[in-house]
Amino acid sequence: MNGYTAYQIYLSLKLHFTNDSYDATKYGFKTSSKESTFSRRKDRFFFERIGRKYKETDIVIDYFTANFLVGVKWIGDMREENYSKYEKRMQSLSYEFEKDLRTLSEQSDSFDQICTTTIPLDCLLADEISAETIAIIDLLVNNLKRLKKDISDPLGMYTEQIENILKYKLLLSRRNIPAEKLAKTVRKVFTK
């Protein structure tokens, strides 16, 4: 992979997370940027390094996604550590999901309450659960858009988190998520 391709992926994911109308998966992680624009950028060497290090498109997508999820927007601030943590979560997704569900079940009486309150978002902000867990719950029951309409959020804290998770859900759905297995995990954890 060359630096320009890595730059295209970076721009598409940046737009994906910051622009309501852009869906990187829909446009194949491409933008209308020109290679001549890329060659004039002072930070192009970061993209060239990423392109040399990670030769597969999916890995570059995951690298940028991992950094955008933790709030890093500029290529020069992106860290390998963020990608390593992300990959670890992806490799143990079922285990992490069950662990996070147990954390949520300690704070709530039912799965229905988890889906209709801000408990998961509070746990995410407190770093007790991962964004993947909330995205998977939304993949299973499609609750975040409804929750966004129903909650009172004068500071916009929850709304911002919900928007990021909805955007992330689109990227997460590219992976082969074992939805039936994860639904069984929900039933197991919340059936007493």
N, C-alpha and C. Protein backbone atom coordinates (compact mmCIF):
# COMPACT_ATOMS: atom_id res chain seq x y z
N MET A 1 0.85 -1.18 0.00
CA MET A 1 0.00 0.00 0.00
C MET A 1 0.89 1.24 0.00
N ASN A 2 0.49 2.23 -0.76
CA ASN A 2 1.28 3.46 -0.78
C ASN A 2 0.68 4.51 0.18
N GLY A 3 1.40 5.58 0.36
CA GLY A 3 0.98 6.62 1.29
C GLY A 3 -0.31 7.31 0.86
N TYR A 4 -0.50 7.46 -0.45
CA TYR A 4 -1.71 8.13 -0.93
C TYR A 4 -2.95 7.30 -0.61
N THR A 5 -2.86 5.99 -0.74
CA THR A 5 -4.00 5.13 -0.42
C THR A 5 -4.31 5.21 1.07
N ALA A 6 -3.27 5.21 1.91
CA ALA A 6 -3.46 5.37 3.35
C ALA A 6 -4.10 6.73 3.65
N TYR A 7 -3.69 7.75 2.93
CA TYR A 7 -4.26 9.10 3.08
C TYR A 7 -5.74 9.10 2.71
N GLN A 8 -6.09 8.43 1.62
CA GLN A 8 -7.50 8.32 1.19
C GLN A 8 -8.34 7.67 2.30
N ILE A 9 -7.83 6.59 2.88
CA ILE A 9 -8.55 5.90 3.95
C ILE A 9 -8.69 6.81 5.16
N TYR A 10 -7.62 7.51 5.51
CA TYR A 10 -7.64 8.44 6.64
C TYR A 10 -8.71 9.52 6.43
N LEU A 11 -8.70 10.14 5.25
CA LEU A 11 -9.68 11.19 4.96
C LEU A 11 -11.11 10.66 5.02
N SER A 12 -11.32 9.48 4.47
CA SER A 12 -12.67 8.92 4.45
C SER A 12 -13.14 8.62 5.88
N LEU A 13 -12.26 8.11 6.72
CA LEU A 13 -12.65 7.82 8.10
C LEU A 13 -12.82 9.10 8.91
N LYS A 14 -12.01 10.10 8.63
CA LYS A 14 -12.17 11.38 9.31
C LYS A 14 -13.54 11.98 8.96
N LEU A 15 -13.89 11.93 7.69
CA LEU A 15 -15.21 12.39 7.26
C LEU A 15 -16.31 11.53 7.88
N HIS A 16 -16.07 10.23 7.94
CA HIS A 16 -17.05 9.30 8.49
C HIS A 16 -17.42 9.68 9.92
N PHE A 17 -16.40 10.00 10.73
CA PHE A 17 -16.64 10.30 12.13
C PHE A 17 -17.04 11.75 12.39
N THR A 18 -16.84 12.64 11.43
CA THR A 18 -17.13 14.05 11.68
C THR A 18 -18.29 14.61 10.85
N ASN A 19 -18.68 13.92 9.80
CA ASN A 19 -19.72 14.41 8.90
C ASN A 19 -20.93 13.47 8.97
N ASP A 20 -22.08 14.01 9.31
CA ASP A 20 -23.28 13.19 9.46
C ASP A 20 -23.69 12.47 8.17
N SER A 21 -23.44 13.08 7.03
CA SER A 21 -23.94 12.50 5.78
C SER A 21 -22.96 11.58 5.08
N TYR A 22 -21.73 11.46 5.56
CA TYR A 22 -20.73 10.64 4.88
C TYR A 22 -20.61 9.28 5.55
N ASP A 23 -20.66 8.23 4.76
CA ASP A 23 -20.49 6.86 5.23
C ASP A 23 -19.32 6.25 4.48
N ALA A 24 -18.20 6.05 5.16
CA ALA A 24 -16.99 5.55 4.52
C ALA A 24 -17.21 4.17 3.89
N THR A 25 -18.02 3.34 4.52
CA THR A 25 -18.26 2.00 3.97
C THR A 25 -19.04 2.09 2.66
N LYS A 26 -19.94 3.02 2.57
CA LYS A 26 -20.75 3.19 1.36
C LYS A 26 -19.88 3.64 0.18
N TYR A 27 -18.91 4.49 0.44
CA TYR A 27 -18.06 5.03 -0.62
C TYR A 27 -16.74 4.28 -0.77
N GLY A 28 -16.64 3.13 -0.14
CA GLY A 28 -15.44 2.30 -0.31
C GLY A 28 -14.16 2.92 0.23
N PHE A 29 -14.29 3.75 1.27
CA PHE A 29 -13.16 4.41 1.92
C PHE A 29 -12.38 5.28 0.92
N LYS A 30 -13.10 5.93 0.03
CA LYS A 30 -12.51 6.84 -0.96
C LYS A 30 -13.08 8.24 -0.79
N THR A 31 -12.29 9.22 -1.19
CA THR A 31 -12.73 10.61 -1.21
C THR A 31 -12.34 11.22 -2.55
N SER A 32 -12.67 12.46 -2.75
CA SER A 32 -12.35 13.12 -4.01
C SER A 32 -11.00 13.84 -3.97
N SER A 33 -10.16 13.52 -3.02
CA SER A 33 -8.86 14.19 -2.92
C SER A 33 -7.96 13.77 -4.08
N LYS A 34 -7.04 14.63 -4.40
CA LYS A 34 -6.13 14.39 -5.52
C LYS A 34 -4.74 14.05 -4.99
N GLU A 35 -4.03 13.26 -5.76
CA GLU A 35 -2.68 12.87 -5.36
C GLU A 35 -1.76 14.08 -5.30
N SER A 36 -1.99 15.07 -6.12
CA SER A 36 -1.17 16.28 -6.11
C SER A 36 -1.34 17.04 -4.78
N THR A 37 -2.55 17.02 -4.25
CA THR A 37 -2.80 17.64 -2.94
C THR A 37 -2.03 16.89 -1.86
N PHE A 38 -2.08 15.57 -1.94
CA PHE A 38 -1.36 14.73 -0.97
C PHE A 38 0.14 15.01 -1.02
N SER A 39 0.70 15.12 -2.21
CA SER A 39 2.16 15.29 -2.34
C SER A 39 2.64 16.64 -1.79
N ARG A 40 1.73 17.62 -1.63
CA ARG A 40 2.11 18.91 -1.07
C ARG A 40 1.98 18.97 0.46
N ARG A 41 1.37 17.93 1.05
CA ARG A 41 1.16 17.92 2.50
C ARG A 41 2.48 17.71 3.23
N LYS A 42 2.66 18.45 4.31
CA LYS A 42 3.88 18.30 5.11
C LYS A 42 3.86 17.01 5.93
N ASP A 43 2.67 16.49 6.19
CA ASP A 43 2.57 15.28 7.00
C ASP A 43 2.44 14.00 6.17
N ARG A 44 2.74 14.07 4.87
CA ARG A 44 2.58 12.90 4.00
C ARG A 44 3.47 11.73 4.40
N PHE A 45 4.57 12.03 5.07
CA PHE A 45 5.49 10.97 5.46
C PHE A 45 4.86 10.04 6.50
N PHE A 46 3.96 10.57 7.32
CA PHE A 46 3.23 9.72 8.26
C PHE A 46 2.40 8.70 7.51
N PHE A 47 1.74 9.13 6.46
CA PHE A 47 0.90 8.24 5.66
C PHE A 47 1.74 7.21 4.92
N GLU A 48 2.88 7.65 4.42
CA GLU A 48 3.77 6.72 3.71
C GLU A 48 4.29 5.65 4.67
N ARG A 49 4.60 6.05 5.91
CA ARG A 49 5.05 5.08 6.91
C ARG A 49 3.95 4.07 7.23
N ILE A 50 2.72 4.55 7.40
CA ILE A 50 1.58 3.67 7.67
C ILE A 50 1.38 2.71 6.49
N GLY A 51 1.47 3.23 5.28
CA GLY A 51 1.30 2.40 4.09
C GLY A 51 2.36 1.32 3.96
N ARG A 52 3.60 1.64 4.33
CA ARG A 52 4.67 0.64 4.29
C ARG A 52 4.51 -0.40 5.40
N LYS A 53 4.11 0.07 6.58
CA LYS A 53 4.03 -0.83 7.74
C LYS A 53 2.84 -1.78 7.64
N TYR A 54 1.69 -1.26 7.26
CA TYR A 54 0.47 -2.07 7.17
C TYR A 54 0.08 -2.16 5.70
N LYS A 55 0.34 -3.27 5.10
CA LYS A 55 0.13 -3.39 3.66
C LYS A 55 -1.31 -3.70 3.27
N GLU A 56 -2.11 -4.21 4.21
CA GLU A 56 -3.49 -4.58 3.90
C GLU A 56 -4.45 -3.43 4.24
N THR A 57 -5.42 -3.23 3.36
CA THR A 57 -6.39 -2.15 3.52
C THR A 57 -7.15 -2.28 4.84
N ASP A 58 -7.61 -3.49 5.17
CA ASP A 58 -8.39 -3.68 6.40
C ASP A 58 -7.61 -3.31 7.65
N ILE A 59 -6.32 -3.57 7.64
CA ILE A 59 -5.49 -3.23 8.80
C ILE A 59 -5.34 -1.72 8.92
N VAL A 60 -5.15 -1.04 7.79
CA VAL A 60 -5.04 0.42 7.81
C VAL A 60 -6.35 1.03 8.29
N ILE A 61 -7.48 0.48 7.83
CA ILE A 61 -8.79 0.96 8.29
C ILE A 61 -8.90 0.78 9.80
N ASP A 62 -8.50 -0.37 10.30
CA ASP A 62 -8.56 -0.62 11.75
C ASP A 62 -7.63 0.30 12.52
N TYR A 63 -6.44 0.56 11.97
CA TYR A 63 -5.48 1.45 12.63
C TYR A 63 -6.08 2.85 12.82
N PHE A 64 -6.62 3.40 11.75
CA PHE A 64 -7.21 4.74 11.84
C PHE A 64 -8.47 4.73 12.71
N THR A 65 -9.29 3.70 12.58
CA THR A 65 -10.50 3.59 13.39
C THR A 65 -10.15 3.58 14.88
N ALA A 66 -9.16 2.79 15.24
CA ALA A 66 -8.75 2.69 16.64
C ALA A 66 -8.34 4.05 17.19
N ASN A 67 -7.65 4.83 16.41
CA ASN A 67 -7.22 6.15 16.86
C ASN A 67 -8.36 7.15 16.89
N PHE A 68 -9.25 7.11 15.89
CA PHE A 68 -10.40 8.02 15.90
C PHE A 68 -11.32 7.73 17.08
N LEU A 69 -11.44 6.45 17.45
CA LEU A 69 -12.32 6.09 18.57
C LEU A 69 -11.86 6.69 19.90
N VAL A 70 -10.56 6.86 20.05
CA VAL A 70 -10.06 7.46 21.30
C VAL A 70 -9.89 8.97 21.19
N GLY A 71 -10.37 9.54 20.09
CA GLY A 71 -10.38 10.99 19.95
C GLY A 71 -9.17 11.59 19.27
N VAL A 72 -8.28 10.77 18.75
CA VAL A 72 -7.10 11.28 18.04
C VAL A 72 -7.48 11.54 16.60
N LYS A 73 -7.33 12.77 16.15
CA LYS A 73 -7.77 13.15 14.80
C LYS A 73 -6.61 13.43 13.83
N TRP A 74 -5.47 13.87 14.34
CA TRP A 74 -4.35 14.21 13.46
C TRP A 74 -3.41 13.02 13.35
N ILE A 75 -2.96 12.75 12.14
CA ILE A 75 -2.11 11.59 11.86
C ILE A 75 -0.84 11.58 12.70
N GLY A 76 -0.28 12.73 12.98
CA GLY A 76 0.96 12.80 13.77
C GLY A 76 0.79 12.40 15.23
N ASP A 77 -0.46 12.45 15.73
CA ASP A 77 -0.73 12.06 17.11
C ASP A 77 -1.19 10.61 17.24
N MET A 78 -1.41 9.94 16.12
CA MET A 78 -1.91 8.56 16.17
C MET A 78 -0.82 7.63 16.67
N ARG A 79 -1.23 6.68 17.51
CA ARG A 79 -0.28 5.80 18.19
C ARG A 79 -0.58 4.34 17.92
N GLU A 80 0.48 3.59 17.83
CA GLU A 80 0.42 2.14 17.69
C GLU A 80 -0.29 1.51 18.89
N GLU A 81 -0.11 2.10 20.05
CA GLU A 81 -0.72 1.60 21.28
C GLU A 81 -2.25 1.55 21.17
N ASN A 82 -2.85 2.57 20.57
CA ASN A 82 -4.30 2.59 20.38
C ASN A 82 -4.75 1.44 19.49
N TYR A 83 -3.98 1.19 18.43
CA TYR A 83 -4.29 0.10 17.51
C TYR A 83 -4.13 -1.26 18.21
N SER A 84 -3.10 -1.41 19.01
CA SER A 84 -2.87 -2.68 19.72
C SER A 84 -4.01 -2.99 20.68
N LYS A 85 -4.46 -1.98 21.41
CA LYS A 85 -5.59 -2.17 22.33
C LYS A 85 -6.86 -2.54 21.56
N TYR A 86 -7.06 -1.89 20.44
CA TYR A 86 -8.23 -2.15 19.60
C TYR A 86 -8.19 -3.60 19.09
N GLU A 87 -7.06 -4.01 18.57
CA GLU A 87 -6.93 -5.38 18.06
C GLU A 87 -7.14 -6.42 19.16
N LYS A 88 -6.65 -6.13 20.34
CA LYS A 88 -6.86 -7.04 21.47
C LYS A 88 -8.35 -7.18 21.77
N ARG A 89 -9.08 -6.06 21.76
CA ARG A 89 -10.53 -6.11 21.99
C ARG A 89 -11.23 -6.89 20.88
N MET A 90 -10.80 -6.71 19.64
CA MET A 90 -11.43 -7.40 18.52
C MET A 90 -11.19 -8.91 18.60
N GLN A 91 -9.99 -9.30 19.02
CA GLN A 91 -9.66 -10.72 19.10
C GLN A 91 -10.41 -11.43 20.22
N SER A 92 -10.77 -10.69 21.25
CA SER A 92 -11.51 -11.30 22.37
C SER A 92 -12.89 -10.67 22.49
N LEU A 93 -13.52 -10.40 21.36
CA LEU A 93 -14.77 -9.66 21.34
C LEU A 93 -15.87 -10.35 22.15
N SER A 94 -16.06 -11.64 21.97
CA SER A 94 -17.12 -12.36 22.70
C SER A 94 -16.88 -12.32 24.21
N TYR A 95 -15.63 -12.53 24.60
CA TYR A 95 -15.29 -12.51 26.03
C TYR A 95 -15.50 -11.11 26.61
N GLU A 96 -14.99 -10.09 25.92
CA GLU A 96 -15.13 -8.71 26.39
C GLU A 96 -16.60 -8.30 26.46
N PHE A 97 -17.38 -8.74 25.48
CA PHE A 97 -18.80 -8.42 25.46
C PHE A 97 -19.50 -9.01 26.69
N GLU A 98 -19.22 -10.27 26.98
CA GLU A 98 -19.83 -10.91 28.15
C GLU A 98 -19.39 -10.22 29.45
N LYS A 99 -18.11 -9.90 29.54
CA LYS A 99 -17.60 -9.21 30.74
C LYS A 99 -18.29 -7.85 30.91
N ASP A 100 -18.43 -7.11 29.83
CA ASP A 100 -19.10 -5.81 29.89
C ASP A 100 -20.58 -5.96 30.24
N LEU A 101 -21.23 -6.99 29.70
CA LEU A 101 -22.64 -7.23 30.05
C LEU A 101 -22.80 -7.51 31.54
N ARG A 102 -21.86 -8.24 32.10
CA ARG A 102 -21.91 -8.52 33.55
C ARG A 102 -21.75 -7.21 34.35
N THR A 103 -20.89 -6.34 33.88
CA THR A 103 -20.74 -5.03 34.52
C THR A 103 -22.05 -4.25 34.45
N LEU A 104 -22.68 -4.28 33.29
CA LEU A 104 -23.96 -3.58 33.12
C LEU A 104 -25.06 -4.23 33.97
N SER A 105 -25.04 -5.55 34.08
CA SER A 105 -26.10 -6.24 34.85
C SER A 105 -26.00 -5.93 36.34
N GLU A 106 -24.82 -5.57 36.81
CA GLU A 106 -24.65 -5.17 38.21
C GLU A 106 -25.31 -3.82 38.48
N GLN A 107 -25.49 -3.03 37.45
CA GLN A 107 -26.04 -1.69 37.61
C GLN A 107 -27.49 -1.57 37.14
N SER A 108 -28.04 -2.68 36.68
CA SER A 108 -29.39 -2.63 36.14
C SER A 108 -30.11 -3.95 36.41
N ASP A 109 -31.44 -3.87 36.49
CA ASP A 109 -32.24 -5.06 36.75
C ASP A 109 -32.53 -5.88 35.50
N SER A 110 -32.55 -5.24 34.34
CA SER A 110 -32.94 -5.96 33.13
C SER A 110 -32.21 -5.42 31.91
N PHE A 111 -32.20 -6.23 30.88
CA PHE A 111 -31.61 -5.81 29.62
C PHE A 111 -32.43 -4.67 29.01
N ASP A 112 -33.72 -4.70 29.22
CA ASP A 112 -34.60 -3.63 28.72
C ASP A 112 -34.18 -2.28 29.31
N GLN A 113 -33.83 -2.27 30.58
CA GLN A 113 -33.39 -1.04 31.23
C GLN A 113 -32.05 -0.57 30.63
N ILE A 114 -31.18 -1.52 30.30
CA ILE A 114 -29.91 -1.19 29.66
C ILE A 114 -30.16 -0.48 28.32
N CYS A 115 -31.16 -0.97 27.60
CA CYS A 115 -31.45 -0.44 26.26
C CYS A 115 -32.18 0.90 26.28
N THR A 116 -32.82 1.24 27.38
CA THR A 116 -33.66 2.44 27.40
C THR A 116 -33.14 3.54 28.33
N THR A 117 -31.99 3.35 28.94
CA THR A 117 -31.41 4.37 29.81
C THR A 117 -29.98 4.68 29.38
N THR A 118 -29.37 5.63 30.05
CA THR A 118 -28.00 6.02 29.72
C THR A 118 -26.96 5.22 30.52
N ILE A 119 -27.37 4.17 31.19
CA ILE A 119 -26.43 3.38 32.00
C ILE A 119 -25.21 2.94 31.17
N PRO A 120 -25.40 2.37 29.96
CA PRO A 120 -24.21 1.97 29.19
C PRO A 120 -23.31 3.14 28.82
N LEU A 121 -23.90 4.29 28.51
CA LEU A 121 -23.09 5.46 28.16
C LEU A 121 -22.32 5.97 29.36
N ASP A 122 -22.95 5.92 30.55
CA ASP A 122 -22.25 6.31 31.77
C ASP A 122 -21.06 5.37 32.02
N CYS A 123 -21.30 4.08 31.82
CA CYS A 123 -20.22 3.10 32.00
C CYS A 123 -19.10 3.31 30.98
N LEU A 124 -19.46 3.66 29.75
CA LEU A 124 -18.45 3.94 28.73
C LEU A 124 -17.62 5.16 29.11
N LEU A 125 -18.29 6.21 29.55
CA LEU A 125 -17.57 7.42 29.95
C LEU A 125 -16.69 7.18 31.17
N ALA A 126 -17.09 6.23 32.03
CA ALA A 126 -16.28 5.88 33.20
C ALA A 126 -15.22 4.83 32.86
N ASP A 127 -15.14 4.45 31.59
CA ASP A 127 -14.17 3.46 31.10
C ASP A 127 -14.37 2.07 31.73
N GLU A 128 -15.62 1.74 32.04
CA GLU A 128 -15.94 0.43 32.61
C GLU A 128 -16.31 -0.58 31.54
N ILE A 129 -16.79 -0.11 30.39
CA ILE A 129 -17.11 -0.98 29.27
C ILE A 129 -16.56 -0.35 27.99
N SER A 130 -16.60 -1.13 26.91
CA SER A 130 -16.04 -0.62 25.64
C SER A 130 -17.15 -0.13 24.71
N ALA A 131 -16.75 0.65 23.74
CA ALA A 131 -17.68 1.14 22.73
C ALA A 131 -18.24 -0.02 21.91
N GLU A 132 -17.44 -1.07 21.76
CA GLU A 132 -17.89 -2.24 21.00
C GLU A 132 -19.14 -2.85 21.63
N THR A 133 -19.20 -2.88 22.95
CA THR A 133 -20.35 -3.47 23.63
C THR A 133 -21.62 -2.69 23.31
N ILE A 134 -21.56 -1.38 23.37
CA ILE A 134 -22.74 -0.58 23.07
C ILE A 134 -23.11 -0.72 21.60
N ALA A 135 -22.11 -0.76 20.73
CA ALA A 135 -22.38 -0.93 19.29
C ALA A 135 -23.02 -2.29 19.01
N ILE A 136 -22.57 -3.33 19.69
CA ILE A 136 -23.14 -4.66 19.49
C ILE A 136 -24.57 -4.70 20.02
N ILE A 137 -24.80 -4.11 21.17
CA ILE A 137 -26.18 -4.05 21.68
C ILE A 137 -27.07 -3.36 20.66
N ASP A 138 -26.57 -2.28 20.07
CA ASP A 138 -27.36 -1.59 19.05
C ASP A 138 -27.54 -2.44 17.80
N LEU A 139 -26.52 -3.21 17.43
CA LEU A 139 -26.67 -4.12 16.30
C LEU A 139 -27.77 -5.15 16.57
N LEU A 140 -27.88 -5.57 17.83
CA LEU A 140 -28.87 -6.59 18.19
C LEU A 140 -30.29 -6.03 18.32
N VAL A 141 -30.44 -4.84 18.93
CA VAL A 141 -31.78 -4.33 19.22
C VAL A 141 -32.09 -2.95 18.64
N ASN A 142 -31.12 -2.33 18.01
CA ASN A 142 -31.32 -1.03 17.34
C ASN A 142 -31.97 0.00 18.28
N ASN A 143 -31.29 0.30 19.37
CA ASN A 143 -31.87 1.16 20.40
C ASN A 143 -31.30 2.58 20.47
N LEU A 144 -30.16 2.83 19.89
CA LEU A 144 -29.49 4.11 20.11
C LEU A 144 -30.21 5.31 19.51
N LYS A 145 -30.77 5.18 18.33
CA LYS A 145 -31.48 6.32 17.73
C LYS A 145 -32.69 6.71 18.57
N ARG A 146 -33.38 5.70 19.06
CA ARG A 146 -34.55 5.96 19.92
C ARG A 146 -34.11 6.58 21.24
N LEU A 147 -33.03 6.06 21.81
CA LEU A 147 -32.50 6.60 23.07
C LEU A 147 -32.07 8.05 22.89
N LYS A 148 -31.45 8.34 21.77
CA LYS A 148 -30.99 9.71 21.49
C LYS A 148 -32.16 10.70 21.50
N LYS A 149 -33.31 10.27 20.98
CA LYS A 149 -34.50 11.13 20.96
C LYS A 149 -35.12 11.28 22.34
N ASP A 150 -35.05 10.21 23.15
CA ASP A 150 -35.77 10.17 24.43
C ASP A 150 -35.03 10.82 25.60
N ILE A 151 -33.71 10.91 25.54
CA ILE A 151 -32.98 11.39 26.72
C ILE A 151 -32.91 12.91 26.75
N SER A 152 -32.75 13.41 27.96
CA SER A 152 -32.51 14.83 28.15
C SER A 152 -31.00 15.01 28.28
N ASP A 153 -30.42 15.77 27.37
CA ASP A 153 -28.96 15.88 27.31
C ASP A 153 -28.54 17.33 27.06
N PRO A 154 -28.67 18.20 28.07
CA PRO A 154 -28.39 19.62 27.84
C PRO A 154 -26.93 19.91 27.47
N LEU A 155 -25.99 19.09 27.91
CA LEU A 155 -24.59 19.32 27.59
C LEU A 155 -24.15 18.65 26.29
N GLY A 156 -24.99 17.78 25.76
CA GLY A 156 -24.65 17.09 24.51
C GLY A 156 -23.67 15.95 24.67
N MET A 157 -23.38 15.59 25.91
CA MET A 157 -22.40 14.54 26.19
C MET A 157 -22.85 13.19 25.63
N TYR A 158 -24.08 12.81 25.93
CA TYR A 158 -24.60 11.52 25.48
C TYR A 158 -24.82 11.52 23.97
N THR A 159 -25.31 12.62 23.46
CA THR A 159 -25.59 12.71 22.03
C THR A 159 -24.32 12.50 21.22
N GLU A 160 -23.23 13.11 21.66
CA GLU A 160 -21.95 12.94 20.97
C GLU A 160 -21.49 11.49 21.02
N GLN A 161 -21.61 10.85 22.19
CA GLN A 161 -21.23 9.45 22.32
C GLN A 161 -22.09 8.57 21.41
N ILE A 162 -23.39 8.81 21.39
CA ILE A 162 -24.29 8.01 20.56
C ILE A 162 -23.93 8.17 19.09
N GLU A 163 -23.67 9.39 18.65
CA GLU A 163 -23.30 9.63 17.25
C GLU A 163 -22.03 8.86 16.89
N ASN A 164 -21.01 8.92 17.76
CA ASN A 164 -19.77 8.19 17.50
C ASN A 164 -20.00 6.69 17.43
N ILE A 165 -20.82 6.17 18.32
CA ILE A 165 -21.08 4.73 18.34
C ILE A 165 -21.88 4.30 17.12
N LEU A 166 -22.84 5.11 16.71
CA LEU A 166 -23.59 4.79 15.50
C LEU A 166 -22.68 4.77 14.27
N LYS A 167 -21.76 5.71 14.20
CA LYS A 167 -20.79 5.73 13.10
C LYS A 167 -19.87 4.51 13.19
N TYR A 168 -19.43 4.20 14.41
CA TYR A 168 -18.55 3.06 14.60
C TYR A 168 -19.26 1.75 14.27
N LYS A 169 -20.55 1.68 14.58
CA LYS A 169 -21.33 0.47 14.29
C LYS A 169 -21.27 0.12 12.81
N LEU A 170 -21.31 1.12 11.95
CA LEU A 170 -21.21 0.87 10.51
C LEU A 170 -19.88 0.21 10.15
N LEU A 171 -18.81 0.64 10.81
CA LEU A 171 -17.50 0.04 10.56
C LEU A 171 -17.40 -1.35 11.19
N LEU A 172 -17.97 -1.50 12.36
CA LEU A 172 -17.93 -2.79 13.06
C LEU A 172 -18.72 -3.85 12.30
N SER A 173 -19.76 -3.44 11.62
CA SER A 173 -20.58 -4.41 10.89
C SER A 173 -19.85 -4.98 9.67
N ARG A 174 -18.70 -4.41 9.27
CA ARG A 174 -17.86 -4.98 8.22
C ARG A 174 -17.27 -6.32 8.66
N ARG A 175 -17.08 -6.45 9.95
CA ARG A 175 -16.50 -7.69 10.50
C ARG A 175 -17.56 -8.76 10.59
N ASN A 176 -17.12 -9.96 10.68
CA ASN A 176 -18.04 -11.08 10.81
C ASN A 176 -18.43 -11.24 12.28
N ILE A 177 -19.41 -10.46 12.72
CA ILE A 177 -19.86 -10.47 14.11
C ILE A 177 -20.82 -11.65 14.31
N PRO A 178 -20.52 -12.52 15.27
CA PRO A 178 -21.41 -13.66 15.53
C PRO A 178 -22.66 -13.22 16.31
N ALA A 179 -23.60 -12.60 15.62
CA ALA A 179 -24.77 -11.99 16.27
C ALA A 179 -25.58 -12.99 17.10
N GLU A 180 -25.79 -14.17 16.57
CA GLU A 180 -26.59 -15.17 17.29
C GLU A 180 -25.90 -15.58 18.60
N LYS A 181 -24.60 -15.77 18.52
CA LYS A 181 -23.83 -16.13 19.72
C LYS A 181 -23.88 -15.01 20.76
N LEU A 182 -23.77 -13.78 20.30
CA LEU A 182 -23.80 -12.65 21.22
C LEU A 182 -25.19 -12.44 21.81
N ALA A 183 -26.23 -12.74 21.03
CA ALA A 183 -27.60 -12.67 21.56
C ALA A 183 -27.80 -13.72 22.66
N LYS A 184 -27.21 -14.90 22.46
CA LYS A 184 -27.28 -15.95 23.50
C LYS A 184 -26.56 -15.49 24.76
N THR A 185 -25.47 -14.77 24.58
CA THR A 185 -24.72 -14.25 25.73
C THR A 185 -25.58 -13.27 26.51
N VAL A 186 -26.32 -12.42 25.81
CA VAL A 186 -27.23 -11.47 26.48
C VAL A 186 -28.25 -12.23 27.31
N ARG A 187 -28.86 -13.25 26.69
CA ARG A 187 -29.87 -14.05 27.42
C ARG A 187 -29.26 -14.74 28.63
N LYS A 188 -28.06 -15.25 28.48
CA LYS A 188 -27.38 -15.95 29.58
C LYS A 188 -27.10 -15.00 30.75
N VAL A 189 -26.62 -13.81 30.46
CA VAL A 189 -26.24 -12.87 31.51
C VAL A 189 -27.48 -12.29 32.20
N PHE A 190 -28.52 -11.99 31.45
CA PHE A 190 -29.68 -11.32 32.03
C PHE A 190 -30.81 -12.26 32.44
N THR A 191 -30.63 -13.56 32.27
CA THR A 191 -31.61 -14.52 32.75
C THR A 191 -31.10 -15.07 34.07
N LYS A 192 -31.86 -14.81 35.11
CA LYS A 192 -31.38 -15.21 36.44
C LYS A 192 -32.08 -16.44 36.92
